[in-house]
Amino acid sequence: MRPRERIWQALAGGLLLLALAFWGIRPALAVPERTEAHPKLWEQLGQAHWIGQGHGPHILYMIFDPNCPYCHVLYDELEPMVQSAHLNLRFIVVGFLAPSSTGKAAAILQAKDPRAAIRENEKGFNMEHFGAIREVIPTPETDKILADNLKLLEESGRRIVPTLIYRDRQGKIQVIHGLLDKSGLQATLKQIR
């Protein structure tokens, strides 16, 4: 890499951190944190309001905020793996990272096709406005869903997105807070029962 490219890369990284700080977004954990959860959490997730993608036997929950850049990276990495890893990917949306997060989360939940709304949000994601979907005013029902989903995130142990939750091959409930690198994600997918 030439010196000029390194300077631009460092400048871009610094601007990203400033933008995240401005919006109050804490960076995902540098080293993702893995913990084991109580089986009760798995039962609660199954009863939660989730949006599904894929019909495979391997269930993976992803708790995300529409404005989370780390969730966006994880979404882009998971998207092509849903079929090949035989996933039943279940999105649980929360809205707390930025002032527009609640309205964008509501837009996803209240859409005629919530899965298509997630795709729209992620396809147009950028670091200026984060999630691309337009905000809407949440209905009382949507407010309750968002509050319940946030409570689930908190019960997972940390208020960090993205959060992945799955049952491993030994039947234990595993929680990962933070962004996995590609090899870590592939290794995790192989552990899902």
Foldseek 3Di string as FASTA:
>chain_A
DDPVVVVVVVVVVVVLVVLQVVQQHDAFDPDKDKDFADVVLVVLVVVADWAWDADFPFEKEWEAFLQDPLVLVVCVLCVVCCVVLRYTYIYQYAADRGPQRLQLSQCLVPDPRNVVSSVQQSVPADSVRGGDDDGDDHDPVSVVSNVSSQVSCVSVPDNAPTKMWAQFPVRIIMIITGHDDNVRVVVVSVGGD
